[in-house]
Each structure stands twice: as C-alpha cells, then as structure tokens.
Amino acid sequence: SILYEKGILQAGVTRGDGIQGDEITPNLKTIAGLPLKLKKPLDLEVRGEVYLSKKH
C-alpha cells in the first residue's frame, strides 16, 4: 500500500505475511514513475501487487 496525505507521499508498506509487513517508503521514493506529489491535495491509499523476478 502507498499512502498519500494532502497529495504528498507519506508511506509505503508491504502486506508481508498478512499480519505484519515491511515499511518501504525510502525504496518507493527511488522509483522514477511513482509521483512523490500528486496534482491535487488528495488523501488516499493505493493498493496493488508488484512482482519482481530474480535474474539468474
């Protein structure tokens, strides 16, 4: 999940094991396509799945 407050990226967390996840905000801030600030001052939570494969 990614949390925006007043349009500003505040936090990102993984779902982990369904009870406790990891705080990944610093990692998210390095993703070029992820806006740190929205065009409008919205309070919202974005949820989704990301699949990362390992290169052999």
PDB file of N, CA and C in Angstrom:
ATOM      1  N   SER A   1       0.836  -1.180   0.000  1.00  0.00           N
ATOM      2  CA  SER A   1       0.000   0.000   0.000  1.00  0.00           C
ATOM      3  C   SER A   1       0.877   1.238   0.000  1.00  0.00           C
ATOM      4  N   ILE A   2       0.399   2.261  -0.667  1.00  0.00           N
ATOM      5  CA  ILE A   2       1.066   3.561  -0.681  1.00  0.00           C
ATOM      6  C   ILE A   2       0.070   4.578  -0.143  1.00  0.00           C
ATOM      7  N   LEU A   3       0.491   5.366   0.817  1.00  0.00           N
ATOM      8  CA  LEU A   3      -0.381   6.339   1.456  1.00  0.00           C
ATOM      9  C   LEU A   3       0.027   7.752   1.076  1.00  0.00           C
ATOM     10  N   TYR A   4      -0.948   8.510   0.565  1.00  0.00           N
ATOM     11  CA  TYR A   4      -0.761   9.930   0.276  1.00  0.00           C
ATOM     12  C   TYR A   4      -1.640  10.731   1.226  1.00  0.00           C
ATOM     13  N   GLU A   5      -1.083  11.782   1.800  1.00  0.00           N
ATOM     14  CA  GLU A   5      -1.851  12.715   2.624  1.00  0.00           C
ATOM     15  C   GLU A   5      -1.667  14.099   2.035  1.00  0.00           C
ATOM     16  N   LYS A   6      -2.787  14.745   1.718  1.00  0.00           N
ATOM     17  CA  LYS A   6      -2.780  16.060   1.072  1.00  0.00           C
ATOM     18  C   LYS A   6      -1.913  16.047  -0.185  1.00  0.00           C
ATOM     19  N   GLY A   7      -1.929  14.903  -0.882  1.00  0.00           N
ATOM     20  CA  GLY A   7      -1.223  14.775  -2.142  1.00  0.00           C
ATOM     21  C   GLY A   7       0.256  14.460  -2.033  1.00  0.00           C
ATOM     22  N   ILE A   8       0.780  14.297  -0.825  1.00  0.00           N
ATOM     23  CA  ILE A   8       2.201  14.026  -0.621  1.00  0.00           C
ATOM     24  C   ILE A   8       2.390  12.574  -0.193  1.00  0.00           C
ATOM     25  N   LEU A   9       3.323  11.883  -0.836  1.00  0.00           N
ATOM     26  CA  LEU A   9       3.628  10.501  -0.465  1.00  0.00           C
ATOM     27  C   LEU A   9       4.119  10.462   0.977  1.00  0.00           C
ATOM     28  N   GLN A  10       3.414   9.718   1.817  1.00  0.00           N
ATOM     29  CA  GLN A  10       3.753   9.638   3.239  1.00  0.00           C
ATOM     30  C   GLN A  10       4.368   8.307   3.631  1.00  0.00           C
ATOM     31  N   ALA A  11       3.862   7.213   3.068  1.00  0.00           N
ATOM     32  CA  ALA A  11       4.336   5.904   3.499  1.00  0.00           C
ATOM     33  C   ALA A  11       4.036   4.844   2.456  1.00  0.00           C
ATOM     34  N   GLY A  12       4.854   3.815   2.488  1.00  0.00           N
ATOM     35  CA  GLY A  12       4.632   2.632   1.674  1.00  0.00           C
ATOM     36  C   GLY A  12       4.955   1.412   2.504  1.00  0.00           C
ATOM     37  N   VAL A  13       4.079   0.432   2.460  1.00  0.00           N
ATOM     38  CA  VAL A  13       4.288  -0.795   3.232  1.00  0.00           C
ATOM     39  C   VAL A  13       3.914  -2.012   2.394  1.00  0.00           C
ATOM     40  N   THR A  14       4.568  -3.125   2.692  1.00  0.00           N
ATOM     41  CA  THR A  14       4.217  -4.387   2.048  1.00  0.00           C
ATOM     42  C   THR A  14       3.158  -5.084   2.887  1.00  0.00           C
ATOM     43  N   ARG A  15       2.485  -6.054   2.291  1.00  0.00           N
ATOM     44  CA  ARG A  15       1.487  -6.793   3.061  1.00  0.00           C
ATOM     45  C   ARG A  15       2.134  -7.849   3.938  1.00  0.00           C
ATOM     46  N   GLY A  16       3.366  -8.186   3.633  1.00  0.00           N
ATOM     47  CA  GLY A  16       4.092  -9.159   4.448  1.00  0.00           C
ATOM     48  C   GLY A  16       3.374 -10.489   4.522  1.00  0.00           C
ATOM     49  N   ASP A  17       3.191 -10.973   5.736  1.00  0.00           N
ATOM     50  CA  ASP A  17       2.536 -12.265   5.943  1.00  0.00           C
ATOM     51  C   ASP A  17       1.035 -12.124   6.170  1.00  0.00           C
ATOM     52  N   GLY A  18       0.504 -10.943   5.918  1.00  0.00           N
ATOM     53  CA  GLY A  18      -0.921 -10.702   6.132  1.00  0.00           C
ATOM     54  C   GLY A  18      -1.218 -10.082   7.477  1.00  0.00           C
ATOM     55  N   ILE A  19      -0.266 -10.148   8.391  1.00  0.00           N
ATOM     56  CA  ILE A  19      -0.422  -9.537   9.711  1.00  0.00           C
ATOM     57  C   ILE A  19       0.543  -8.369   9.862  1.00  0.00           C
ATOM     58  N   GLN A  20       1.786  -8.581   9.466  1.00  0.00           N
ATOM     59  CA  GLN A  20       2.787  -7.528   9.570  1.00  0.00           C
ATOM     60  C   GLN A  20       3.598  -7.474   8.292  1.00  0.00           C
ATOM     61  N   GLY A  21       3.769  -6.261   7.757  1.00  0.00           N
ATOM     62  CA  GLY A  21       4.556  -6.067   6.553  1.00  0.00           C
ATOM     63  C   GLY A  21       5.784  -5.228   6.841  1.00  0.00           C
ATOM     64  N   ASP A  22       6.470  -4.829   5.772  1.00  0.00           N
ATOM     65  CA  ASP A  22       7.678  -4.018   5.896  1.00  0.00           C
ATOM     66  C   ASP A  22       7.408  -2.601   5.429  1.00  0.00           C
ATOM     67  N   GLU A  23       8.045  -1.647   6.082  1.00  0.00           N
ATOM     68  CA  GLU A  23       7.961  -0.246   5.710  1.00  0.00           C
ATOM     69  C   GLU A  23       8.988  -0.022   4.600  1.00  0.00           C
ATOM     70  N   ILE A  24       8.531   0.402   3.411  1.00  0.00           N
ATOM     71  CA  ILE A  24       9.407   0.512   2.241  1.00  0.00           C
ATOM     72  C   ILE A  24       9.410   1.908   1.620  1.00  0.00           C
ATOM     73  N   THR A  25       9.037   2.913   2.390  1.00  0.00           N
ATOM     74  CA  THR A  25       8.941   4.274   1.862  1.00  0.00           C
ATOM     75  C   THR A  25      10.231   4.743   1.186  1.00  0.00           C
ATOM     76  N   PRO A  26      11.404   4.582   1.801  1.00  0.00           N
ATOM     77  CA  PRO A  26      12.630   5.046   1.127  1.00  0.00           C
ATOM     78  C   PRO A  26      12.850   4.372  -0.231  1.00  0.00           C
ATOM     79  N   ASN A  27      12.535   3.090  -0.334  1.00  0.00           N
ATOM     80  CA  ASN A  27      12.677   2.381  -1.615  1.00  0.00           C
ATOM     81  C   ASN A  27      11.710   2.931  -2.654  1.00  0.00           C
ATOM     82  N   LEU A  28      10.480   3.205  -2.249  1.00  0.00           N
ATOM     83  CA  LEU A  28       9.486   3.725  -3.186  1.00  0.00           C
ATOM     84  C   LEU A  28       9.902   5.072  -3.758  1.00  0.00           C
ATOM     85  N   LYS A  29      10.555   5.879  -2.952  1.00  0.00           N
ATOM     86  CA  LYS A  29      10.954   7.217  -3.396  1.00  0.00           C
ATOM     87  C   LYS A  29      12.028   7.181  -4.476  1.00  0.00           C
ATOM     88  N   THR A  30      12.597   6.014  -4.763  1.00  0.00           N
ATOM     89  CA  THR A  30      13.602   5.890  -5.822  1.00  0.00           C
ATOM     90  C   THR A  30      12.990   5.467  -7.156  1.00  0.00           C
ATOM     91  N   ILE A  31      11.697   5.190  -7.190  1.00  0.00           N
ATOM     92  CA  ILE A  31      11.027   4.745  -8.414  1.00  0.00           C
ATOM     93  C   ILE A  31      10.615   5.967  -9.232  1.00  0.00           C
ATOM     94  N   ALA A  32      11.221   6.117 -10.397  1.00  0.00           N
ATOM     95  CA  ALA A  32      11.011   7.304 -11.227  1.00  0.00           C
ATOM     96  C   ALA A  32       9.547   7.526 -11.604  1.00  0.00           C
ATOM     97  N   GLY A  33       8.800   6.473 -11.853  1.00  0.00           N
ATOM     98  CA  GLY A  33       7.417   6.612 -12.295  1.00  0.00           C
ATOM     99  C   GLY A  33       6.404   6.819 -11.188  1.00  0.00           C
ATOM    100  N   LEU A  34       6.839   6.804  -9.945  1.00  0.00           N
ATOM    101  CA  LEU A  34       5.928   6.959  -8.811  1.00  0.00           C
ATOM    102  C   LEU A  34       5.981   8.406  -8.323  1.00  0.00           C
ATOM    103  N   PRO A  35       4.876   9.134  -8.425  1.00  0.00           N
ATOM    104  CA  PRO A  35       4.907  10.542  -8.018  1.00  0.00           C
ATOM    105  C   PRO A  35       5.049  10.710  -6.505  1.00  0.00           C
ATOM    106  N   LEU A  36       5.957  11.599  -6.114  1.00  0.00           N
ATOM    107  CA  LEU A  36       6.105  11.947  -4.701  1.00  0.00           C
ATOM    108  C   LEU A  36       5.023  12.931  -4.281  1.00  0.00           C
ATOM    109  N   LYS A  37       4.495  13.674  -5.279  1.00  0.00           N
ATOM    110  CA  LYS A  37       3.439  14.653  -5.024  1.00  0.00           C
ATOM    111  C   LYS A  37       2.392  14.535  -6.126  1.00  0.00           C
ATOM    112  N   LEU A  38       1.123  14.463  -5.721  1.00  0.00           N
ATOM    113  CA  LEU A  38       0.024  14.387  -6.679  1.00  0.00           C
ATOM    114  C   LEU A  38      -0.357  15.779  -7.153  1.00  0.00           C
ATOM    115  N   LYS A  39      -1.076  15.853  -8.271  1.00  0.00           N
ATOM    116  CA  LYS A  39      -1.508  17.146  -8.804  1.00  0.00           C
ATOM    117  C   LYS A  39      -2.556  17.805  -7.926  1.00  0.00           C
ATOM    118  N   LYS A  40      -3.303  16.985  -7.175  1.00  0.00           N
ATOM    119  CA  LYS A  40      -4.338  17.505  -6.280  1.00  0.00           C
ATOM    120  C   LYS A  40      -4.026  17.059  -4.852  1.00  0.00           C
ATOM    121  N   PRO A  41      -4.419  17.847  -3.853  1.00  0.00           N
ATOM    122  CA  PRO A  41      -4.128  17.514  -2.451  1.00  0.00           C
ATOM    123  C   PRO A  41      -5.063  16.439  -1.887  1.00  0.00           C
ATOM    124  N   LEU A  42      -4.965  15.245  -2.426  1.00  0.00           N
ATOM    125  CA  LEU A  42      -5.854  14.157  -2.029  1.00  0.00           C
ATOM    126  C   LEU A  42      -5.285  13.348  -0.874  1.00  0.00           C
ATOM    127  N   ASP A  43      -6.176  12.817  -0.048  1.00  0.00           N
ATOM    128  CA  ASP A  43      -5.827  11.818   0.959  1.00  0.00           C
ATOM    129  C   ASP A  43      -6.299  10.484   0.402  1.00  0.00           C
ATOM    130  N   LEU A  44      -5.365   9.582   0.106  1.00  0.00           N
ATOM    131  CA  LEU A  44      -5.774   8.301  -0.456  1.00  0.00           C
ATOM    132  C   LEU A  44      -4.734   7.224  -0.209  1.00  0.00           C
ATOM    133  N   GLU A  45      -5.192   5.988  -0.351  1.00  0.00           N
ATOM    134  CA  GLU A  45      -4.325   4.823  -0.239  1.00  0.00           C
ATOM    135  C   GLU A  45      -4.419   4.042  -1.540  1.00  0.00           C
ATOM    136  N   VAL A  46      -3.277   3.703  -2.105  1.00  0.00           N
ATOM    137  CA  VAL A  46      -3.209   2.938  -3.342  1.00  0.00           C
ATOM    138  C   VAL A  46      -2.717   1.539  -2.987  1.00  0.00           C
ATOM    139  N   ARG A  47      -3.452   0.538  -3.448  1.00  0.00           N
ATOM    140  CA  ARG A  47      -3.055  -0.847  -3.188  1.00  0.00           C
ATOM    141  C   ARG A  47      -2.838  -1.564  -4.508  1.00  0.00           C
ATOM    142  N   GLY A  48      -1.882  -2.464  -4.510  1.00  0.00           N
ATOM    143  CA  GLY A  48      -1.605  -3.226  -5.718  1.00  0.00           C
ATOM    144  C   GLY A  48      -0.585  -4.307  -5.443  1.00  0.00           C
ATOM    145  N   GLU A  49      -0.204  -4.985  -6.490  1.00  0.00           N
ATOM    146  CA  GLU A  49       0.783  -6.058  -6.393  1.00  0.00           C
ATOM    147  C   GLU A  49       1.946  -5.735  -7.322  1.00  0.00           C
ATOM    148  N   VAL A  50       3.140  -6.038  -6.873  1.00  0.00           N
ATOM    149  CA  VAL A  50       4.345  -5.897  -7.686  1.00  0.00           C
ATOM    150  C   VAL A  50       5.054  -7.236  -7.674  1.00  0.00           C
ATOM    151  N   TYR A  51       5.429  -7.703  -8.840  1.00  0.00           N
ATOM    152  CA  TYR A  51       6.157  -8.968  -8.954  1.00  0.00           C
ATOM    153  C   TYR A  51       7.559  -8.661  -9.453  1.00  0.00           C
ATOM    154  N   LEU A  52       8.557  -9.046  -8.706  1.00  0.00           N
ATOM    155  CA  LEU A  52       9.943  -8.853  -9.102  1.00  0.00           C
ATOM    156  C   LEU A  52      10.582 -10.217  -9.311  1.00  0.00           C
ATOM    157  N   SER A  53      11.084 -10.438 -10.508  1.00  0.00           N
ATOM    158  CA  SER A  53      11.755 -11.713 -10.763  1.00  0.00           C
ATOM    159  C   SER A  53      13.250 -11.555 -10.501  1.00  0.00           C
ATOM    160  N   LYS A  54      13.884 -12.648 -10.170  1.00  0.00           N
ATOM    161  CA  LYS A  54      15.331 -12.648  -9.955  1.00  0.00           C
ATOM    162  C   LYS A  54      16.008 -13.045 -11.255  1.00  0.00           C
ATOM    163  N   LYS A  55      17.023 -12.281 -11.656  1.00  0.00           N
ATOM    164  CA  LYS A  55      17.799 -12.641 -12.844  1.00  0.00           C
ATOM    165  C   LYS A  55      18.813 -13.694 -12.448  1.00  0.00           C
ATOM    166  N   HIS A  56      18.969 -14.687 -13.293  1.00  0.00           N
ATOM    167  CA  HIS A  56      19.911 -15.773 -12.990  1.00  0.00           C
ATOM    168  C   HIS A  56      21.244 -15.513 -13.626  1.00  0.00           C
TER     169      HIS A  56
END
